[in-house]
Amino acid sequence: MFQELSKQFGDSMEPFKDLVNIQTKMLEELTRQQMECTKSCIEATIQQTRELQKCHNASDLMELQKAYAKELEETLRLAGEQNMKALQDARAAIEKITQDQFDAFNKK
C-alpha cells in the first residue's frame, strides 16, 4: 500500500518536475545569451577604444561612433530576439504540459 501511494505521488509530481526542468533550461539559456551579449558589448567597446586612437579629425570620430552604435544596436537586437525565442519555447512547452494534464484530468 505504501509503495502504491508512493508511486501515485511520484506520478502526480512528474508534471511539476517537468515544469521546473523547463524553467531551469530557459533560465540557463537566458543567462548564456546575456553573457554572450555582454561579452560582445565589451569587445565592441574595446575595439572602439583601439580605433579611437586612429581618428585624426571630427569626421573620423563621427564615423567611428556611428559604426560602434550600429554594432551595439545589432547585438542588442539579436539578443532580444534570442531571449524572446527562449521565452516563447518555454511558454509553449509549459502550455503543452498544462493542456496534457488538463486533458488527462477531464478523462477521469
N, C-alpha and C. Protein backbone atom coordinates (compact mmCIF):
# COMPACT_ATOMS: atom_id res chain seq x y z
N MET A 1 0.82 -1.19 0.00
CA MET A 1 0.00 0.00 0.00
C MET A 1 0.87 1.26 0.00
N PHE A 2 1.92 1.24 0.84
CA PHE A 2 2.81 2.39 0.88
C PHE A 2 3.49 2.60 -0.47
N GLN A 3 3.90 1.49 -1.09
CA GLN A 3 4.55 1.58 -2.39
C GLN A 3 3.60 2.14 -3.44
N GLU A 4 2.34 1.75 -3.36
CA GLU A 4 1.35 2.24 -4.31
C GLU A 4 1.13 3.75 -4.13
N LEU A 5 1.02 4.18 -2.88
CA LEU A 5 0.86 5.61 -2.61
C LEU A 5 2.09 6.40 -3.04
N SER A 6 3.24 5.81 -2.80
CA SER A 6 4.48 6.46 -3.20
C SER A 6 4.55 6.61 -4.71
N LYS A 7 4.14 5.57 -5.43
CA LYS A 7 4.12 5.61 -6.89
C LYS A 7 3.12 6.65 -7.38
N GLN A 8 1.94 6.69 -6.80
CA GLN A 8 0.94 7.68 -7.20
C GLN A 8 1.44 9.10 -6.96
N PHE A 9 2.08 9.29 -5.82
CA PHE A 9 2.63 10.61 -5.51
C PHE A 9 3.71 10.99 -6.52
N GLY A 10 4.59 10.04 -6.81
CA GLY A 10 5.64 10.29 -7.80
C GLY A 10 5.07 10.61 -9.16
N ASP A 11 4.05 9.86 -9.57
CA ASP A 11 3.41 10.11 -10.86
C ASP A 11 2.74 11.48 -10.90
N SER A 12 2.10 11.84 -9.79
CA SER A 12 1.40 13.13 -9.76
C SER A 12 2.37 14.31 -9.74
N MET A 13 3.58 14.09 -9.26
CA MET A 13 4.59 15.15 -9.21
C MET A 13 5.36 15.30 -10.52
N GLU A 14 5.24 14.33 -11.40
CA GLU A 14 6.00 14.35 -12.65
C GLU A 14 5.78 15.62 -13.48
N PRO A 15 4.55 16.08 -13.67
CA PRO A 15 4.36 17.33 -14.43
C PRO A 15 5.04 18.53 -13.76
N PHE A 16 5.00 18.56 -12.44
CA PHE A 16 5.66 19.65 -11.72
C PHE A 16 7.17 19.61 -11.96
N LYS A 17 7.74 18.41 -11.93
CA LYS A 17 9.17 18.26 -12.20
C LYS A 17 9.49 18.73 -13.62
N ASP A 18 8.61 18.38 -14.56
CA ASP A 18 8.80 18.82 -15.95
C ASP A 18 8.78 20.35 -16.05
N LEU A 19 7.85 20.98 -15.34
CA LEU A 19 7.78 22.44 -15.35
C LEU A 19 9.05 23.07 -14.78
N VAL A 20 9.54 22.51 -13.70
CA VAL A 20 10.77 23.02 -13.09
C VAL A 20 11.94 22.86 -14.06
N ASN A 21 12.01 21.71 -14.75
CA ASN A 21 13.08 21.48 -15.72
C ASN A 21 13.00 22.48 -16.87
N ILE A 22 11.80 22.75 -17.35
CA ILE A 22 11.63 23.72 -18.44
C ILE A 22 12.10 25.10 -18.00
N GLN A 23 11.69 25.51 -16.82
CA GLN A 23 12.11 26.82 -16.32
C GLN A 23 13.62 26.88 -16.10
N THR A 24 14.19 25.81 -15.60
CA THR A 24 15.64 25.77 -15.39
C THR A 24 16.38 25.90 -16.71
N LYS A 25 15.95 25.14 -17.72
CA LYS A 25 16.60 25.22 -19.04
C LYS A 25 16.45 26.61 -19.63
N MET A 26 15.25 27.21 -19.47
CA MET A 26 15.02 28.54 -20.01
C MET A 26 15.95 29.55 -19.34
N LEU A 27 16.07 29.49 -18.02
CA LEU A 27 16.94 30.42 -17.31
C LEU A 27 18.40 30.22 -17.66
N GLU A 28 18.81 28.96 -17.84
CA GLU A 28 20.19 28.70 -18.27
C GLU A 28 20.44 29.29 -19.65
N GLU A 29 19.49 29.14 -20.55
CA GLU A 29 19.63 29.68 -21.90
C GLU A 29 19.67 31.21 -21.87
N LEU A 30 18.78 31.82 -21.10
CA LEU A 30 18.78 33.28 -21.00
C LEU A 30 20.09 33.80 -20.40
N THR A 31 20.59 33.10 -19.40
CA THR A 31 21.86 33.50 -18.79
C THR A 31 23.00 33.40 -19.79
N ARG A 32 23.03 32.30 -20.54
CA ARG A 32 24.07 32.12 -21.56
C ARG A 32 24.00 33.24 -22.60
N GLN A 33 22.78 33.54 -23.04
CA GLN A 33 22.61 34.59 -24.05
C GLN A 33 23.04 35.96 -23.51
N GLN A 34 22.69 36.24 -22.27
CA GLN A 34 23.07 37.53 -21.69
C GLN A 34 24.58 37.64 -21.52
N MET A 35 25.22 36.53 -21.18
CA MET A 35 26.68 36.55 -21.06
C MET A 35 27.32 36.80 -22.41
N GLU A 36 26.79 36.17 -23.47
CA GLU A 36 27.31 36.40 -24.81
C GLU A 36 27.10 37.85 -25.24
N CYS A 37 25.94 38.39 -24.94
CA CYS A 37 25.64 39.78 -25.29
C CYS A 37 26.59 40.73 -24.57
N THR A 38 26.78 40.50 -23.29
CA THR A 38 27.69 41.35 -22.51
C THR A 38 29.11 41.27 -23.06
N LYS A 39 29.54 40.05 -23.39
CA LYS A 39 30.87 39.86 -23.96
C LYS A 39 31.01 40.62 -25.27
N SER A 40 29.99 40.55 -26.13
CA SER A 40 30.03 41.25 -27.41
C SER A 40 30.10 42.76 -27.21
N CYS A 41 29.34 43.27 -26.25
CA CYS A 41 29.35 44.71 -25.98
C CYS A 41 30.71 45.16 -25.46
N ILE A 42 31.30 44.37 -24.58
CA ILE A 42 32.63 44.70 -24.05
C ILE A 42 33.67 44.67 -25.16
N GLU A 43 33.60 43.65 -26.02
CA GLU A 43 34.55 43.55 -27.13
C GLU A 43 34.39 44.73 -28.09
N ALA A 44 33.15 45.15 -28.34
CA ALA A 44 32.91 46.30 -29.22
C ALA A 44 33.49 47.57 -28.60
N THR A 45 33.35 47.71 -27.30
CA THR A 45 33.88 48.89 -26.61
C THR A 45 35.41 48.90 -26.66
N ILE A 46 36.01 47.75 -26.46
CA ILE A 46 37.47 47.65 -26.55
C ILE A 46 37.95 47.98 -27.96
N GLN A 47 37.25 47.45 -28.95
CA GLN A 47 37.62 47.72 -30.34
C GLN A 47 37.47 49.21 -30.65
N GLN A 48 36.40 49.82 -30.15
CA GLN A 48 36.20 51.24 -30.39
C GLN A 48 37.32 52.05 -29.75
N THR A 49 37.74 51.66 -28.57
CA THR A 49 38.83 52.36 -27.89
C THR A 49 40.12 52.26 -28.69
N ARG A 50 40.38 51.10 -29.27
CA ARG A 50 41.58 50.93 -30.11
C ARG A 50 41.49 51.81 -31.36
N GLU A 51 40.32 51.82 -31.97
CA GLU A 51 40.12 52.59 -33.20
C GLU A 51 40.14 54.09 -32.93
N LEU A 52 39.77 54.49 -31.73
CA LEU A 52 39.73 55.91 -31.37
C LEU A 52 41.09 56.57 -31.55
N GLN A 53 42.13 55.82 -31.29
CA GLN A 53 43.49 56.35 -31.43
C GLN A 53 43.84 56.65 -32.88
N LYS A 54 43.11 56.05 -33.82
CA LYS A 54 43.39 56.26 -35.24
C LYS A 54 42.63 57.45 -35.82
N CYS A 55 41.74 58.03 -35.03
CA CYS A 55 40.95 59.17 -35.52
C CYS A 55 41.84 60.42 -35.58
N HIS A 56 41.75 61.11 -36.72
CA HIS A 56 42.55 62.31 -36.91
C HIS A 56 41.71 63.58 -36.92
N ASN A 57 40.40 63.43 -37.09
CA ASN A 57 39.54 64.61 -37.11
C ASN A 57 38.14 64.23 -36.63
N ALA A 58 37.27 65.23 -36.56
CA ALA A 58 35.92 65.03 -36.04
C ALA A 58 35.11 64.08 -36.93
N SER A 59 35.35 64.13 -38.21
CA SER A 59 34.63 63.25 -39.14
C SER A 59 34.96 61.79 -38.88
N ASP A 60 36.22 61.50 -38.66
CA ASP A 60 36.63 60.13 -38.33
C ASP A 60 35.96 59.66 -37.04
N LEU A 61 35.92 60.56 -36.07
CA LEU A 61 35.30 60.23 -34.79
C LEU A 61 33.81 59.95 -34.95
N MET A 62 33.13 60.76 -35.76
CA MET A 62 31.70 60.55 -36.00
C MET A 62 31.45 59.21 -36.68
N GLU A 63 32.26 58.86 -37.65
CA GLU A 63 32.11 57.58 -38.34
C GLU A 63 32.35 56.41 -37.39
N LEU A 64 33.34 56.56 -36.53
CA LEU A 64 33.64 55.53 -35.55
C LEU A 64 32.46 55.35 -34.59
N GLN A 65 31.89 56.46 -34.13
CA GLN A 65 30.75 56.40 -33.22
C GLN A 65 29.54 55.77 -33.90
N LYS A 66 29.31 56.10 -35.17
CA LYS A 66 28.19 55.51 -35.91
C LYS A 66 28.35 54.00 -36.03
N ALA A 67 29.55 53.57 -36.38
CA ALA A 67 29.81 52.13 -36.52
C ALA A 67 29.64 51.42 -35.18
N TYR A 68 30.12 52.04 -34.12
CA TYR A 68 30.00 51.48 -32.78
C TYR A 68 28.54 51.35 -32.37
N ALA A 69 27.78 52.42 -32.58
CA ALA A 69 26.36 52.41 -32.22
C ALA A 69 25.60 51.37 -33.04
N LYS A 70 25.94 51.25 -34.32
CA LYS A 70 25.26 50.28 -35.18
C LYS A 70 25.57 48.85 -34.72
N GLU A 71 26.82 48.60 -34.37
CA GLU A 71 27.21 47.26 -33.89
C GLU A 71 26.49 46.92 -32.58
N LEU A 72 26.44 47.88 -31.67
CA LEU A 72 25.74 47.64 -30.40
C LEU A 72 24.25 47.42 -30.63
N GLU A 73 23.68 48.21 -31.52
CA GLU A 73 22.25 48.06 -31.83
C GLU A 73 21.95 46.67 -32.37
N GLU A 74 22.78 46.19 -33.27
CA GLU A 74 22.59 44.85 -33.85
C GLU A 74 22.76 43.77 -32.78
N THR A 75 23.76 43.92 -31.94
CA THR A 75 24.00 42.95 -30.86
C THR A 75 22.80 42.87 -29.93
N LEU A 76 22.27 44.03 -29.54
CA LEU A 76 21.13 44.06 -28.63
C LEU A 76 19.86 43.56 -29.30
N ARG A 77 19.70 43.85 -30.58
CA ARG A 77 18.53 43.36 -31.31
C ARG A 77 18.54 41.84 -31.38
N LEU A 78 19.68 41.28 -31.71
CA LEU A 78 19.80 39.82 -31.78
C LEU A 78 19.59 39.19 -30.40
N ALA A 79 20.13 39.81 -29.37
CA ALA A 79 19.95 39.28 -28.01
C ALA A 79 18.47 39.30 -27.64
N GLY A 80 17.79 40.36 -27.98
CA GLY A 80 16.36 40.45 -27.70
C GLY A 80 15.57 39.37 -28.41
N GLU A 81 15.90 39.13 -29.68
CA GLU A 81 15.23 38.08 -30.45
C GLU A 81 15.48 36.70 -29.83
N GLN A 82 16.71 36.45 -29.45
CA GLN A 82 17.05 35.16 -28.85
C GLN A 82 16.35 34.98 -27.50
N ASN A 83 16.29 36.05 -26.73
CA ASN A 83 15.60 35.98 -25.44
C ASN A 83 14.12 35.68 -25.64
N MET A 84 13.50 36.35 -26.59
CA MET A 84 12.08 36.12 -26.85
C MET A 84 11.84 34.69 -27.33
N LYS A 85 12.74 34.17 -28.15
CA LYS A 85 12.58 32.79 -28.62
C LYS A 85 12.66 31.82 -27.44
N ALA A 86 13.61 32.03 -26.55
CA ALA A 86 13.74 31.15 -25.38
C ALA A 86 12.48 31.21 -24.52
N LEU A 87 11.95 32.40 -24.33
CA LEU A 87 10.73 32.55 -23.54
C LEU A 87 9.53 31.91 -24.23
N GLN A 88 9.42 32.10 -25.54
CA GLN A 88 8.30 31.51 -26.28
C GLN A 88 8.38 29.99 -26.30
N ASP A 89 9.58 29.46 -26.45
CA ASP A 89 9.75 28.00 -26.43
C ASP A 89 9.34 27.43 -25.07
N ALA A 90 9.76 28.10 -24.00
CA ALA A 90 9.40 27.65 -22.65
C ALA A 90 7.89 27.75 -22.44
N ARG A 91 7.31 28.83 -22.91
CA ARG A 91 5.86 29.01 -22.77
C ARG A 91 5.11 27.90 -23.50
N ALA A 92 5.53 27.59 -24.72
CA ALA A 92 4.87 26.53 -25.49
C ALA A 92 4.97 25.18 -24.77
N ALA A 93 6.14 24.89 -24.23
CA ALA A 93 6.33 23.62 -23.52
C ALA A 93 5.47 23.56 -22.25
N ILE A 94 5.40 24.68 -21.54
CA ILE A 94 4.57 24.73 -20.32
C ILE A 94 3.10 24.60 -20.67
N GLU A 95 2.68 25.27 -21.73
CA GLU A 95 1.27 25.17 -22.16
C GLU A 95 0.92 23.73 -22.55
N LYS A 96 1.86 23.04 -23.20
CA LYS A 96 1.60 21.65 -23.60
C LYS A 96 1.44 20.76 -22.37
N ILE A 97 2.33 20.91 -21.41
CA ILE A 97 2.23 20.11 -20.19
C ILE A 97 0.91 20.40 -19.48
N THR A 98 0.58 21.66 -19.38
CA THR A 98 -0.66 22.06 -18.71
C THR A 98 -1.87 21.48 -19.43
N GLN A 99 -1.88 21.59 -20.75
CA GLN A 99 -3.02 21.07 -21.52
C GLN A 99 -3.10 19.55 -21.41
N ASP A 100 -1.96 18.87 -21.48
CA ASP A 100 -1.96 17.42 -21.35
C ASP A 100 -2.52 16.99 -19.99
N GLN A 101 -2.13 17.69 -18.94
CA GLN A 101 -2.63 17.34 -17.60
C GLN A 101 -4.11 17.66 -17.46
N PHE A 102 -4.53 18.75 -18.06
CA PHE A 102 -5.94 19.11 -18.02
C PHE A 102 -6.77 18.06 -18.77
N ASP A 103 -6.27 17.65 -19.94
CA ASP A 103 -6.97 16.62 -20.72
C ASP A 103 -7.04 15.30 -19.95
N ALA A 104 -5.94 14.93 -19.31
CA ALA A 104 -5.92 13.68 -18.52
C ALA A 104 -6.90 13.77 -17.36
N PHE A 105 -7.00 14.92 -16.74
CA PHE A 105 -7.91 15.12 -15.62
C PHE A 105 -9.37 15.03 -16.09
N ASN A 106 -9.66 15.57 -17.25
CA ASN A 106 -11.03 15.54 -17.79
C ASN A 106 -11.48 14.13 -18.16
N LYS A 107 -10.54 13.26 -18.51
CA LYS A 107 -10.89 11.89 -18.89
C LYS A 107 -11.34 11.07 -17.70
N LYS A 108 -10.87 11.44 -16.51
CA LYS A 108 -11.17 10.64 -15.31
C LYS A 108 -12.57 10.83 -14.86
